[in-house]
Amino acid sequence: MKDKTKKIIGGTVLGATALAGLTIVSHSITHYLMRVALDRKEPKSMQKSRGQMMGSAENKDLVTMITAASGKLEEKVTEKVEITAHDGISLVGHWWPCEESKRIVIAMHGWRSSWSFDFGAIADFWHDNGCSVLFAEQRGQGESGGDYMGFGLIEQYDCCDWVNWVNDKTNEELPIYLGGVSMGATTVLMTAGLELPQNVVGIVADCAFTSPYAIWKHVVEDNLHLSYGIRSAAADDLCKRKINMKAREYTTTEALKNTDIPVLFIHGTDDHFVPIEMTYENYKVCASEKRLLVVPGAEHAMSYLVDKKGYEDAILKFWQDFDEDFTHPCFV
């Protein structure tokens, strides 16, 4: 065999080996990222890379405030509720009734978070203004069952299950607002596209993403500085295997194009985890009555702490405008 031919063959073999190696590495990284995204058990190494994935370091002062508020909320809320979801998974919630309640809030927390951490700061505002609150624990997290989180794809149906529980508990006598932060906000926006009881009169979505695909692409490309194009098909396949739905199977924009439920959208301008452009996209396509609160300087899920007055004023006006949209059939 001539030397030139040997070199060509050798180069081809080396190139193929290198490509195979890169493919294996890429596939391995994708598997890891999907474990981080969906699996209940968080990889230990995730603790070190959380800031990189979020796109910003934690604000220790705000986290300290939130942690303190979380502990206080857990001390106040004592009624633990357990239901069976549409697919047989056990779901846990925490019911905080209010005397002479004017409305009900069903609160859905975010990804790898908790009901008390995400809503500890705002809980007293809700309660002091006549809200009974059901704090849900999202599947695959906390005390709720399930091996995986669904990034809103499955949780939208869990939200409906909680609406049914609340209506059974209260005889459908009060208006219901669905509220969520981050993945919880995506959950309630996806729920908007489903058939809901007439007493679900409003949705408050704080820093929602538009779909699992969209948020994964953003985190991988913008925060981790990796290519998502070569990983998207594998990620979709792994998503299908874990939760029986593909990452692009449903989006908030699809839901919002087909809803008549009023929505208050909230987002901070400095959110590097869920870019504010996703809320603009949701707002633009929303077919129902809609409001938008943009909080300058607020990072991910920090809008309430950055502009408490503006946030509360927007919600009070939202309740004022839509509480009366529901009239119980018994009083018609």
C-alpha atoms as a PDB file:
ATOM      1  CA  MET A   1       0.000   0.000   0.000  1.00  0.00           C
ATOM      2  CA  LYS A   2       1.352   3.371  -0.945  1.00  0.00           C
ATOM      3  CA  ASP A   3       2.267   5.828   1.830  1.00  0.00           C
ATOM      4  CA  LYS A   4      -0.238   8.408   0.551  1.00  0.00           C
ATOM      5  CA  THR A   5      -3.067   5.869   0.696  1.00  0.00           C
ATOM      6  CA  LYS A   6      -2.039   4.826   4.180  1.00  0.00           C
ATOM      7  CA  LYS A   7      -2.143   8.446   5.340  1.00  0.00           C
ATOM      8  CA  ILE A   8      -5.605   8.968   3.866  1.00  0.00           C
ATOM      9  CA  ILE A   9      -6.945   5.807   5.511  1.00  0.00           C
ATOM     10  CA  GLY A  10      -5.243   6.674   8.783  1.00  0.00           C
ATOM     11  CA  GLY A  11      -6.670  10.187   8.719  1.00  0.00           C
ATOM     12  CA  THR A  12     -10.122   8.865   7.970  1.00  0.00           C
ATOM     13  CA  VAL A  13      -9.970   6.398  10.863  1.00  0.00           C
ATOM     14  CA  LEU A  14      -8.730   9.085  13.242  1.00  0.00           C
ATOM     15  CA  GLY A  15     -11.449  11.467  12.085  1.00  0.00           C
ATOM     16  CA  ALA A  16     -14.146   8.844  12.513  1.00  0.00           C
ATOM     17  CA  THR A  17     -12.805   7.931  15.954  1.00  0.00           C
ATOM     18  CA  ALA A  18     -12.723  11.568  17.021  1.00  0.00           C
ATOM     19  CA  LEU A  19     -16.269  12.113  15.722  1.00  0.00           C
ATOM     20  CA  ALA A  20     -17.484   9.023  17.560  1.00  0.00           C
ATOM     21  CA  GLY A  21     -15.801  10.275  20.709  1.00  0.00           C
ATOM     22  CA  LEU A  22     -17.428  13.695  20.394  1.00  0.00           C
ATOM     23  CA  THR A  23     -20.805  12.053  19.793  1.00  0.00           C
ATOM     24  CA  ILE A  24     -20.427   9.942  22.927  1.00  0.00           C
ATOM     25  CA  VAL A  25     -19.413  12.968  24.991  1.00  0.00           C
ATOM     26  CA  SER A  26     -22.296  15.034  23.600  1.00  0.00           C
ATOM     27  CA  HIS A  27     -24.770  12.240  24.313  1.00  0.00           C
ATOM     28  CA  SER A  28     -23.415  11.879  27.839  1.00  0.00           C
ATOM     29  CA  ILE A  29     -23.794  15.609  28.489  1.00  0.00           C
ATOM     30  CA  THR A  30     -27.353  15.521  27.150  1.00  0.00           C
ATOM     31  CA  HIS A  31     -28.232  12.622  29.449  1.00  0.00           C
ATOM     32  CA  TYR A  32     -26.821  14.547  32.392  1.00  0.00           C
ATOM     33  CA  LEU A  33     -28.715  17.723  31.499  1.00  0.00           C
ATOM     34  CA  MET A  34     -31.982  15.811  31.184  1.00  0.00           C
ATOM     35  CA  ARG A  35     -31.405  14.238  34.592  1.00  0.00           C
ATOM     36  CA  VAL A  36     -30.924  17.733  35.975  1.00  0.00           C
ATOM     37  CA  ALA A  37     -34.070  18.949  34.228  1.00  0.00           C
ATOM     38  CA  LEU A  38     -36.523  16.149  34.940  1.00  0.00           C
ATOM     39  CA  ASP A  39     -35.360  13.654  37.579  1.00  0.00           C
ATOM     40  CA  ARG A  40     -36.563  14.013  41.142  1.00  0.00           C
ATOM     41  CA  LYS A  41     -33.090  13.273  42.493  1.00  0.00           C
ATOM     42  CA  GLU A  42     -30.756  16.130  41.702  1.00  0.00           C
ATOM     43  CA  PRO A  43     -27.200  15.181  40.666  1.00  0.00           C
ATOM     44  CA  LYS A  44     -24.724  16.222  43.366  1.00  0.00           C
ATOM     45  CA  SER A  45     -22.672  18.217  40.876  1.00  0.00           C
ATOM     46  CA  MET A  46     -25.756  20.345  40.142  1.00  0.00           C
ATOM     47  CA  GLN A  47     -25.233  22.185  43.419  1.00  0.00           C
ATOM     48  CA  LYS A  48     -21.946  23.603  42.129  1.00  0.00           C
ATOM     49  CA  SER A  49     -23.236  24.570  38.696  1.00  0.00           C
ATOM     50  CA  ARG A  50     -26.636  26.016  39.677  1.00  0.00           C
ATOM     51  CA  GLY A  51     -25.436  29.609  39.305  1.00  0.00           C
ATOM     52  CA  GLN A  52     -24.065  28.924  35.836  1.00  0.00           C
ATOM     53  CA  MET A  53     -27.325  27.293  34.736  1.00  0.00           C
ATOM     54  CA  MET A  54     -29.372  30.158  36.183  1.00  0.00           C
ATOM     55  CA  GLY A  55     -27.166  32.681  34.426  1.00  0.00           C
ATOM     56  CA  SER A  56     -26.452  34.669  37.586  1.00  0.00           C
ATOM     57  CA  ALA A  57     -25.169  34.209  41.114  1.00  0.00           C
ATOM     58  CA  GLU A  58     -27.577  34.029  44.034  1.00  0.00           C
ATOM     59  CA  ASN A  59     -28.363  37.272  45.826  1.00  0.00           C
ATOM     60  CA  LYS A  60     -27.546  36.107  49.357  1.00  0.00           C
ATOM     61  CA  ASP A  61     -29.474  38.913  51.077  1.00  0.00           C
ATOM     62  CA  LEU A  62     -32.672  38.163  49.157  1.00  0.00           C
ATOM     63  CA  VAL A  63     -32.268  34.408  49.646  1.00  0.00           C
ATOM     64  CA  THR A  64     -31.901  34.987  53.394  1.00  0.00           C
ATOM     65  CA  MET A  65     -35.141  36.997  53.401  1.00  0.00           C
ATOM     66  CA  ILE A  66     -36.964  34.346  51.394  1.00  0.00           C
ATOM     67  CA  THR A  67     -35.719  31.533  53.615  1.00  0.00           C
ATOM     68  CA  ALA A  68     -36.932  33.341  56.742  1.00  0.00           C
ATOM     69  CA  ALA A  69     -40.353  33.976  55.160  1.00  0.00           C
ATOM     70  CA  SER A  70     -40.510  30.329  54.096  1.00  0.00           C
ATOM     71  CA  GLY A  71     -40.047  29.128  57.665  1.00  0.00           C
ATOM     72  CA  LYS A  72     -42.744  31.479  58.963  1.00  0.00           C
ATOM     73  CA  LEU A  73     -45.239  30.278  56.332  1.00  0.00           C
ATOM     74  CA  GLU A  74     -44.638  26.635  57.214  1.00  0.00           C
ATOM     75  CA  GLU A  75     -45.406  27.458  60.855  1.00  0.00           C
ATOM     76  CA  LYS A  76     -48.732  29.101  59.894  1.00  0.00           C
ATOM     77  CA  VAL A  77     -50.102  26.573  57.422  1.00  0.00           C
ATOM     78  CA  THR A  78     -51.100  23.378  59.205  1.00  0.00           C
ATOM     79  CA  GLU A  79     -53.675  21.588  57.041  1.00  0.00           C
ATOM     80  CA  LYS A  80     -51.906  19.100  54.809  1.00  0.00           C
ATOM     81  CA  VAL A  81     -53.948  17.754  51.892  1.00  0.00           C
ATOM     82  CA  GLU A  82     -53.344  14.689  49.725  1.00  0.00           C
ATOM     83  CA  ILE A  83     -55.121  13.862  46.467  1.00  0.00           C
ATOM     84  CA  THR A  84     -54.677  11.370  43.655  1.00  0.00           C
ATOM     85  CA  ALA A  85     -53.853  12.972  40.315  1.00  0.00           C
ATOM     86  CA  HIS A  86     -55.369  12.068  36.959  1.00  0.00           C
ATOM     87  CA  ASP A  87     -52.594   9.505  36.342  1.00  0.00           C
ATOM     88  CA  GLY A  88     -52.593   7.941  39.815  1.00  0.00           C
ATOM     89  CA  ILE A  89     -49.709   9.971  41.265  1.00  0.00           C
ATOM     90  CA  SER A  90     -50.125  11.145  44.856  1.00  0.00           C
ATOM     91  CA  LEU A  91     -50.084  14.940  45.156  1.00  0.00           C
ATOM     92  CA  VAL A  92     -49.649  16.904  48.374  1.00  0.00           C
ATOM     93  CA  GLY A  93     -50.866  20.415  49.074  1.00  0.00           C
ATOM     94  CA  HIS A  94     -51.242  22.799  52.002  1.00  0.00           C
ATOM     95  CA  TRP A  95     -54.552  24.542  52.634  1.00  0.00           C
ATOM     96  CA  TRP A  96     -54.611  27.918  54.392  1.00  0.00           C
ATOM     97  CA  PRO A  97     -58.231  29.061  54.738  1.00  0.00           C
ATOM     98  CA  CYS A  98     -59.165  32.656  55.391  1.00  0.00           C
ATOM     99  CA  GLU A  99     -62.154  33.744  57.457  1.00  0.00           C
ATOM    100  CA  GLU A 100     -64.707  35.566  55.308  1.00  0.00           C
ATOM    101  CA  SER A 101     -62.705  34.623  52.235  1.00  0.00           C
ATOM    102  CA  LYS A 102     -63.313  36.660  49.091  1.00  0.00           C
ATOM    103  CA  ARG A 103     -61.425  34.429  46.675  1.00  0.00           C
ATOM    104  CA  ILE A 104     -59.102  31.439  46.413  1.00  0.00           C
ATOM    105  CA  VAL A 105     -55.539  31.308  45.110  1.00  0.00           C
ATOM    106  CA  ILE A 106     -54.075  28.035  43.880  1.00  0.00           C
ATOM    107  CA  ALA A 107     -50.301  28.524  44.026  1.00  0.00           C
ATOM    108  CA  MET A 108     -47.894  26.457  41.908  1.00  0.00           C
ATOM    109  CA  HIS A 109     -44.196  26.713  42.783  1.00  0.00           C
ATOM    110  CA  GLY A 110     -41.200  26.494  40.473  1.00  0.00           C
ATOM    111  CA  TRP A 111     -38.577  24.008  39.334  1.00  0.00           C
ATOM    112  CA  ARG A 112     -36.512  22.430  42.132  1.00  0.00           C
ATOM    113  CA  SER A 113     -38.122  24.784  44.625  1.00  0.00           C
ATOM    114  CA  SER A 114     -40.910  24.477  47.203  1.00  0.00           C
ATOM    115  CA  TRP A 115     -44.295  25.927  48.074  1.00  0.00           C
ATOM    116  CA  SER A 116     -43.031  27.788  51.125  1.00  0.00           C
ATOM    117  CA  PHE A 117     -39.851  29.115  49.496  1.00  0.00           C
ATOM    118  CA  ASP A 118     -41.592  30.548  46.440  1.00  0.00           C
ATOM    119  CA  PHE A 119     -44.631  31.975  48.256  1.00  0.00           C
ATOM    120  CA  GLY A 120     -43.446  32.679  51.803  1.00  0.00           C
ATOM    121  CA  ALA A 121     -42.859  36.355  51.047  1.00  0.00           C
ATOM    122  CA  ILE A 122     -46.249  37.028  49.444  1.00  0.00           C
ATOM    123  CA  ALA A 123     -48.434  34.679  51.512  1.00  0.00           C
ATOM    124  CA  ASP A 124     -49.400  37.223  54.176  1.00  0.00           C
ATOM    125  CA  PHE A 125     -50.424  39.729  51.501  1.00  0.00           C
ATOM    126  CA  TRP A 126     -52.775  37.131  50.010  1.00  0.00           C
ATOM    127  CA  HIS A 127     -54.199  36.123  53.379  1.00  0.00           C
ATOM    128  CA  ASP A 128     -54.585  39.686  54.680  1.00  0.00           C
ATOM    129  CA  ASN A 129     -56.564  40.578  51.547  1.00  0.00           C
ATOM    130  CA  GLY A 130     -59.170  37.857  51.876  1.00  0.00           C
ATOM    131  CA  CYS A 131     -57.593  34.914  50.044  1.00  0.00           C
ATOM    132  CA  SER A 132     -57.805  31.286  51.055  1.00  0.00           C
ATOM    133  CA  VAL A 133     -54.760  29.608  49.520  1.00  0.00           C
ATOM    134  CA  LEU A 134     -53.982  26.104  48.318  1.00  0.00           C
ATOM    135  CA  PHE A 135     -50.207  25.731  48.076  1.00  0.00           C
ATOM    136  CA  ALA A 136     -49.520  22.773  45.798  1.00  0.00           C
ATOM    137  CA  GLU A 137     -46.363  20.682  45.909  1.00  0.00           C
ATOM    138  CA  GLN A 138     -45.426  19.982  42.303  1.00  0.00           C
ATOM    139  CA  ARG A 139     -44.999  16.354  41.216  1.00  0.00           C
ATOM    140  CA  GLY A 140     -41.491  14.978  41.403  1.00  0.00           C
ATOM    141  CA  GLN A 141     -40.725  17.430  44.211  1.00  0.00           C
ATOM    142  CA  GLY A 142     -41.225  17.689  47.947  1.00  0.00           C
ATOM    143  CA  GLU A 143     -43.791  15.308  49.402  1.00  0.00           C
ATOM    144  CA  SER A 144     -45.711  14.786  46.158  1.00  0.00           C
ATOM    145  CA  GLY A 145     -45.184  11.556  44.264  1.00  0.00           C
ATOM    146  CA  GLY A 146     -43.649  10.973  40.862  1.00  0.00           C
ATOM    147  CA  ASP A 147     -40.119  10.300  39.702  1.00  0.00           C
ATOM    148  CA  TYR A 148     -40.026  13.193  37.234  1.00  0.00           C
ATOM    149  CA  MET A 149     -40.968  16.831  36.818  1.00  0.00           C
ATOM    150  CA  GLY A 150     -42.832  17.749  33.647  1.00  0.00           C
ATOM    151  CA  PHE A 151     -42.024  21.450  33.113  1.00  0.00           C
ATOM    152  CA  GLY A 152     -45.735  22.214  32.952  1.00  0.00           C
ATOM    153  CA  LEU A 153     -46.593  19.549  30.374  1.00  0.00           C
ATOM    154  CA  ILE A 154     -48.006  17.179  33.000  1.00  0.00           C
ATOM    155  CA  GLU A 155     -48.483  19.662  35.828  1.00  0.00           C
ATOM    156  CA  GLN A 156     -51.196  21.511  33.901  1.00  0.00           C
ATOM    157  CA  TYR A 157     -53.464  18.521  34.534  1.00  0.00           C
ATOM    158  CA  ASP A 158     -52.403  18.416  38.201  1.00  0.00           C
ATOM    159  CA  CYS A 159     -53.503  22.040  38.427  1.00  0.00           C
ATOM    160  CA  CYS A 160     -56.941  21.016  37.163  1.00  0.00           C
ATOM    161  CA  ASP A 161     -57.051  18.295  39.829  1.00  0.00           C
ATOM    162  CA  TRP A 162     -56.380  20.939  42.478  1.00  0.00           C
ATOM    163  CA  VAL A 163     -59.115  23.175  41.064  1.00  0.00           C
ATOM    164  CA  ASN A 164     -61.550  20.272  41.415  1.00  0.00           C
ATOM    165  CA  TRP A 165     -60.411  19.645  44.994  1.00  0.00           C
ATOM    166  CA  VAL A 166     -60.866  23.309  45.912  1.00  0.00           C
ATOM    167  CA  ASN A 167     -64.341  23.388  44.394  1.00  0.00           C
ATOM    168  CA  ASP A 168     -65.340  20.253  46.285  1.00  0.00           C
ATOM    169  CA  LYS A 169     -63.994  21.843  49.459  1.00  0.00           C
ATOM    170  CA  THR A 170     -65.763  25.188  48.993  1.00  0.00           C
ATOM    171  CA  ASN A 171     -68.861  24.204  46.979  1.00  0.00           C
ATOM    172  CA  GLU A 172     -67.722  26.431  44.087  1.00  0.00           C
ATOM    173  CA  GLU A 173     -68.787  29.519  46.028  1.00  0.00           C
ATOM    174  CA  LEU A 174     -65.710  31.678  45.389  1.00  0.00           C
ATOM    175  CA  PRO A 175     -63.693  32.904  42.402  1.00  0.00           C
ATOM    176  CA  ILE A 176     -60.407  31.067  41.850  1.00  0.00           C
ATOM    177  CA  TYR A 177     -57.113  32.552  40.681  1.00  0.00           C
ATOM    178  CA  LEU A 178     -54.274  30.354  39.479  1.00  0.00           C
ATOM    179  CA  GLY A 179     -50.869  31.722  40.460  1.00  0.00           C
ATOM    180  CA  GLY A 180     -47.408  30.475  39.628  1.00  0.00           C
ATOM    181  CA  VAL A 181     -43.724  31.348  39.645  1.00  0.00           C
ATOM    182  CA  SER A 182     -41.244  30.152  36.982  1.00  0.00           C
ATOM    183  CA  MET A 183     -42.194  26.543  36.114  1.00  0.00           C
ATOM    184  CA  GLY A 184     -45.315  27.089  38.209  1.00  0.00           C
ATOM    185  CA  ALA A 185     -46.163  30.085  36.029  1.00  0.00           C
ATOM    186  CA  THR A 186     -45.717  27.960  32.915  1.00  0.00           C
ATOM    187  CA  THR A 187     -47.963  25.358  34.539  1.00  0.00           C
ATOM    188  CA  VAL A 188     -50.838  27.783  35.121  1.00  0.00           C
ATOM    189  CA  LEU A 189     -50.491  29.292  31.633  1.00  0.00           C
ATOM    190  CA  MET A 190     -50.671  25.840  30.049  1.00  0.00           C
ATOM    191  CA  THR A 191     -53.709  25.151  32.237  1.00  0.00           C
ATOM    192  CA  ALA A 192     -55.369  28.198  30.647  1.00  0.00           C
ATOM    193  CA  GLY A 193     -55.861  26.214  27.457  1.00  0.00           C
ATOM    194  CA  LEU A 194     -57.873  23.481  29.174  1.00  0.00           C
ATOM    195  CA  GLU A 195     -61.585  23.402  29.930  1.00  0.00           C
ATOM    196  CA  LEU A 196     -61.921  24.858  33.416  1.00  0.00           C
ATOM    197  CA  PRO A 197     -64.824  25.541  35.782  1.00  0.00           C
ATOM    198  CA  GLN A 198     -66.460  28.951  35.365  1.00  0.00           C
ATOM    199  CA  ASN A 199     -65.201  30.180  38.742  1.00  0.00           C
ATOM    200  CA  VAL A 200     -61.567  30.154  37.542  1.00  0.00           C
ATOM    201  CA  VAL A 201     -61.540  33.862  36.729  1.00  0.00           C
ATOM    202  CA  GLY A 202     -57.871  34.831  36.500  1.00  0.00           C
ATOM    203  CA  ILE A 203     -54.238  33.763  36.227  1.00  0.00           C
ATOM    204  CA  VAL A 204     -51.116  35.454  37.595  1.00  0.00           C
ATOM    205  CA  ALA A 205     -47.927  34.216  35.892  1.00  0.00           C
ATOM    206  CA  ASP A 206     -44.596  35.419  37.271  1.00  0.00           C
ATOM    207  CA  CYS A 207     -41.592  34.778  34.956  1.00  0.00           C
ATOM    208  CA  ALA A 208     -43.016  31.921  32.890  1.00  0.00           C
ATOM    209  CA  PHE A 209     -41.136  30.195  30.080  1.00  0.00           C
ATOM    210  CA  THR A 210     -42.952  29.177  26.909  1.00  0.00           C
ATOM    211  CA  SER A 211     -42.050  25.483  26.683  1.00  0.00           C
ATOM    212  CA  PRO A 212     -39.532  22.929  27.958  1.00  0.00           C
ATOM    213  CA  TYR A 213     -37.762  23.091  24.605  1.00  0.00           C
ATOM    214  CA  ALA A 214     -37.470  26.883  24.709  1.00  0.00           C
ATOM    215  CA  ILE A 215     -36.083  27.086  28.241  1.00  0.00           C
ATOM    216  CA  TRP A 216     -33.658  24.186  27.734  1.00  0.00           C
ATOM    217  CA  LYS A 217     -32.368  25.771  24.536  1.00  0.00           C
ATOM    218  CA  HIS A 218     -31.852  29.092  26.308  1.00  0.00           C
ATOM    219  CA  VAL A 219     -30.050  27.581  29.304  1.00  0.00           C
ATOM    220  CA  VAL A 220     -27.792  25.348  27.196  1.00  0.00           C
ATOM    221  CA  GLU A 221     -26.857  27.998  24.625  1.00  0.00           C
ATOM    222  CA  ASP A 222     -26.919  31.259  26.582  1.00  0.00           C
ATOM    223  CA  ASN A 223     -25.933  30.158  30.084  1.00  0.00           C
ATOM    224  CA  LEU A 224     -23.852  27.017  29.539  1.00  0.00           C
ATOM    225  CA  HIS A 225     -22.477  28.145  26.147  1.00  0.00           C
ATOM    226  CA  LEU A 226     -23.016  24.769  24.491  1.00  0.00           C
ATOM    227  CA  SER A 227     -24.710  23.887  21.228  1.00  0.00           C
ATOM    228  CA  TYR A 228     -28.320  22.779  21.658  1.00  0.00           C
ATOM    229  CA  GLY A 229     -28.985  21.938  18.010  1.00  0.00           C
ATOM    230  CA  ILE A 230     -27.064  18.668  18.160  1.00  0.00           C
ATOM    231  CA  ARG A 231     -28.700  17.790  21.477  1.00  0.00           C
ATOM    232  CA  SER A 232     -32.328  18.725  20.857  1.00  0.00           C
ATOM    233  CA  ALA A 233     -33.370  15.437  19.233  1.00  0.00           C
ATOM    234  CA  ALA A 234     -31.778  13.368  22.004  1.00  0.00           C
ATOM    235  CA  ALA A 235     -33.313  15.635  24.659  1.00  0.00           C
ATOM    236  CA  ASP A 236     -36.730  15.239  23.041  1.00  0.00           C
ATOM    237  CA  ASP A 237     -36.337  11.457  22.980  1.00  0.00           C
ATOM    238  CA  LEU A 238     -35.293  11.340  26.634  1.00  0.00           C
ATOM    239  CA  CYS A 239     -38.186  13.619  27.588  1.00  0.00           C
ATOM    240  CA  LYS A 240     -40.611  11.302  25.804  1.00  0.00           C
ATOM    241  CA  ARG A 241     -39.194   8.285  27.631  1.00  0.00           C
ATOM    242  CA  LYS A 242     -39.424   9.911  31.052  1.00  0.00           C
ATOM    243  CA  ILE A 243     -42.780  11.738  30.962  1.00  0.00           C
ATOM    244  CA  ASN A 244     -44.386  10.355  27.780  1.00  0.00           C
ATOM    245  CA  MET A 245     -44.476  13.786  26.168  1.00  0.00           C
ATOM    246  CA  LYS A 246     -42.016  15.558  23.892  1.00  0.00           C
ATOM    247  CA  ALA A 247     -40.445  18.868  24.829  1.00  0.00           C
ATOM    248  CA  ARG A 248     -42.306  20.735  22.078  1.00  0.00           C
ATOM    249  CA  GLU A 249     -45.581  18.842  22.394  1.00  0.00           C
ATOM    250  CA  TYR A 250     -47.371  21.790  23.988  1.00  0.00           C
ATOM    251  CA  THR A 251     -46.529  25.428  24.713  1.00  0.00           C
ATOM    252  CA  THR A 252     -47.917  28.307  26.715  1.00  0.00           C
ATOM    253  CA  THR A 253     -48.470  30.243  23.502  1.00  0.00           C
ATOM    254  CA  GLU A 254     -50.772  27.510  22.178  1.00  0.00           C
ATOM    255  CA  ALA A 255     -52.755  27.630  25.401  1.00  0.00           C
ATOM    256  CA  LEU A 256     -52.972  31.421  25.481  1.00  0.00           C
ATOM    257  CA  LYS A 257     -54.210  31.644  21.905  1.00  0.00           C
ATOM    258  CA  ASN A 258     -57.237  29.632  23.039  1.00  0.00           C
ATOM    259  CA  THR A 259     -58.117  31.037  26.444  1.00  0.00           C
ATOM    260  CA  ASP A 260     -60.722  33.486  27.665  1.00  0.00           C
ATOM    261  CA  ILE A 261     -59.321  33.671  31.205  1.00  0.00           C
ATOM    262  CA  PRO A 262     -57.745  37.051  32.085  1.00  0.00           C
ATOM    263  CA  VAL A 263     -53.997  36.925  32.690  1.00  0.00           C
ATOM    264  CA  LEU A 264     -51.593  39.158  34.621  1.00  0.00           C
ATOM    265  CA  PHE A 265     -48.045  38.629  33.325  1.00  0.00           C
ATOM    266  CA  ILE A 266     -45.096  39.616  35.546  1.00  0.00           C
ATOM    267  CA  HIS A 267     -41.368  39.541  34.783  1.00  0.00           C
ATOM    268  CA  GLY A 268     -38.128  41.154  35.909  1.00  0.00           C
ATOM    269  CA  THR A 269     -35.842  42.784  33.357  1.00  0.00           C
ATOM    270  CA  ASP A 270     -32.670  41.186  34.788  1.00  0.00           C
ATOM    271  CA  ASP A 271     -33.902  37.588  34.629  1.00  0.00           C
ATOM    272  CA  HIS A 272     -31.120  35.524  33.050  1.00  0.00           C
ATOM    273  CA  PHE A 273     -32.743  32.142  33.722  1.00  0.00           C
ATOM    274  CA  VAL A 274     -36.056  32.790  31.972  1.00  0.00           C
ATOM    275  CA  PRO A 275     -35.578  35.715  29.583  1.00  0.00           C
ATOM    276  CA  ILE A 276     -38.252  38.396  29.720  1.00  0.00           C
ATOM    277  CA  GLU A 277     -38.758  37.966  25.963  1.00  0.00           C
ATOM    278  CA  MET A 278     -40.708  34.791  26.762  1.00  0.00           C
ATOM    279  CA  THR A 279     -43.247  36.787  28.763  1.00  0.00           C
ATOM    280  CA  TYR A 280     -43.487  39.309  25.914  1.00  0.00           C
ATOM    281  CA  GLU A 281     -44.171  36.383  23.572  1.00  0.00           C
ATOM    282  CA  ASN A 282     -46.870  35.040  25.891  1.00  0.00           C
ATOM    283  CA  TYR A 283     -48.438  38.471  26.319  1.00  0.00           C
ATOM    284  CA  LYS A 284     -48.504  39.141  22.581  1.00  0.00           C
ATOM    285  CA  VAL A 285     -50.478  35.996  21.679  1.00  0.00           C
ATOM    286  CA  CYS A 286     -52.823  35.961  24.688  1.00  0.00           C
ATOM    287  CA  ALA A 287     -56.402  36.086  23.409  1.00  0.00           C
ATOM    288  CA  SER A 288     -58.040  37.056  26.707  1.00  0.00           C
ATOM    289  CA  GLU A 289     -57.933  40.269  28.716  1.00  0.00           C
ATOM    290  CA  LYS A 290     -54.334  40.790  29.796  1.00  0.00           C
ATOM    291  CA  ARG A 291     -52.083  42.930  31.939  1.00  0.00           C
ATOM    292  CA  LEU A 292     -48.295  43.230  32.041  1.00  0.00           C
ATOM    293  CA  LEU A 293     -46.050  44.239  34.944  1.00  0.00           C
ATOM    294  CA  VAL A 294     -42.346  44.637  34.139  1.00  0.00           C
ATOM    295  CA  VAL A 295     -40.059  45.109  37.148  1.00  0.00           C
ATOM    296  CA  PRO A 296     -36.781  46.905  36.340  1.00  0.00           C
ATOM    297  CA  GLY A 297     -33.705  45.311  37.896  1.00  0.00           C
ATOM    298  CA  ALA A 298     -35.451  42.174  39.160  1.00  0.00           C
ATOM    299  CA  GLU A 299     -33.699  38.843  38.686  1.00  0.00           C
ATOM    300  CA  HIS A 300     -35.472  35.511  38.319  1.00  0.00           C
ATOM    301  CA  ALA A 301     -38.527  35.201  40.599  1.00  0.00           C
ATOM    302  CA  MET A 302     -37.467  38.291  42.572  1.00  0.00           C
ATOM    303  CA  SER A 303     -39.983  40.825  41.228  1.00  0.00           C
ATOM    304  CA  TYR A 304     -42.099  40.860  44.402  1.00  0.00           C
ATOM    305  CA  LEU A 305     -39.102  41.642  46.609  1.00  0.00           C
ATOM    306  CA  VAL A 306     -37.757  44.307  44.241  1.00  0.00           C
ATOM    307  CA  ASP A 307     -41.049  46.190  43.751  1.00  0.00           C
ATOM    308  CA  LYS A 308     -43.446  45.061  46.445  1.00  0.00           C
ATOM    309  CA  LYS A 309     -45.813  48.006  46.089  1.00  0.00           C
ATOM    310  CA  GLY A 310     -46.031  47.824  42.306  1.00  0.00           C
ATOM    311  CA  TYR A 311     -46.574  44.074  42.452  1.00  0.00           C
ATOM    312  CA  GLU A 312     -49.301  44.305  45.112  1.00  0.00           C
ATOM    313  CA  ASP A 313     -51.055  47.207  43.370  1.00  0.00           C
ATOM    314  CA  ALA A 314     -51.177  45.231  40.117  1.00  0.00           C
ATOM    315  CA  ILE A 315     -52.674  42.192  41.846  1.00  0.00           C
ATOM    316  CA  LEU A 316     -55.215  44.220  43.854  1.00  0.00           C
ATOM    317  CA  LYS A 317     -56.404  45.911  40.653  1.00  0.00           C
ATOM    318  CA  PHE A 318     -56.563  42.509  38.926  1.00  0.00           C
ATOM    319  CA  TRP A 319     -58.768  41.104  41.704  1.00  0.00           C
ATOM    320  CA  GLN A 320     -60.917  44.215  41.738  1.00  0.00           C
ATOM    321  CA  ASP A 321     -61.583  43.928  38.012  1.00  0.00           C
ATOM    322  CA  PHE A 322     -62.284  40.190  37.816  1.00  0.00           C
ATOM    323  CA  ASP A 323     -63.669  38.984  41.177  1.00  0.00           C
ATOM    324  CA  GLU A 324     -67.183  39.781  40.024  1.00  0.00           C
ATOM    325  CA  ASP A 325     -66.834  37.838  36.777  1.00  0.00           C
ATOM    326  CA  PHE A 326     -68.038  34.790  38.714  1.00  0.00           C
ATOM    327  CA  THR A 327     -71.511  34.539  40.199  1.00  0.00           C
ATOM    328  CA  HIS A 328     -72.377  31.293  41.953  1.00  0.00           C
ATOM    329  CA  PRO A 329     -75.323  29.517  40.218  1.00  0.00           C
ATOM    330  CA  CYS A 330     -77.178  29.370  43.545  1.00  0.00           C
ATOM    331  CA  PHE A 331     -77.421  33.153  43.589  1.00  0.00           C
ATOM    332  CA  VAL A 332     -78.389  33.743  39.964  1.00  0.00           C
END
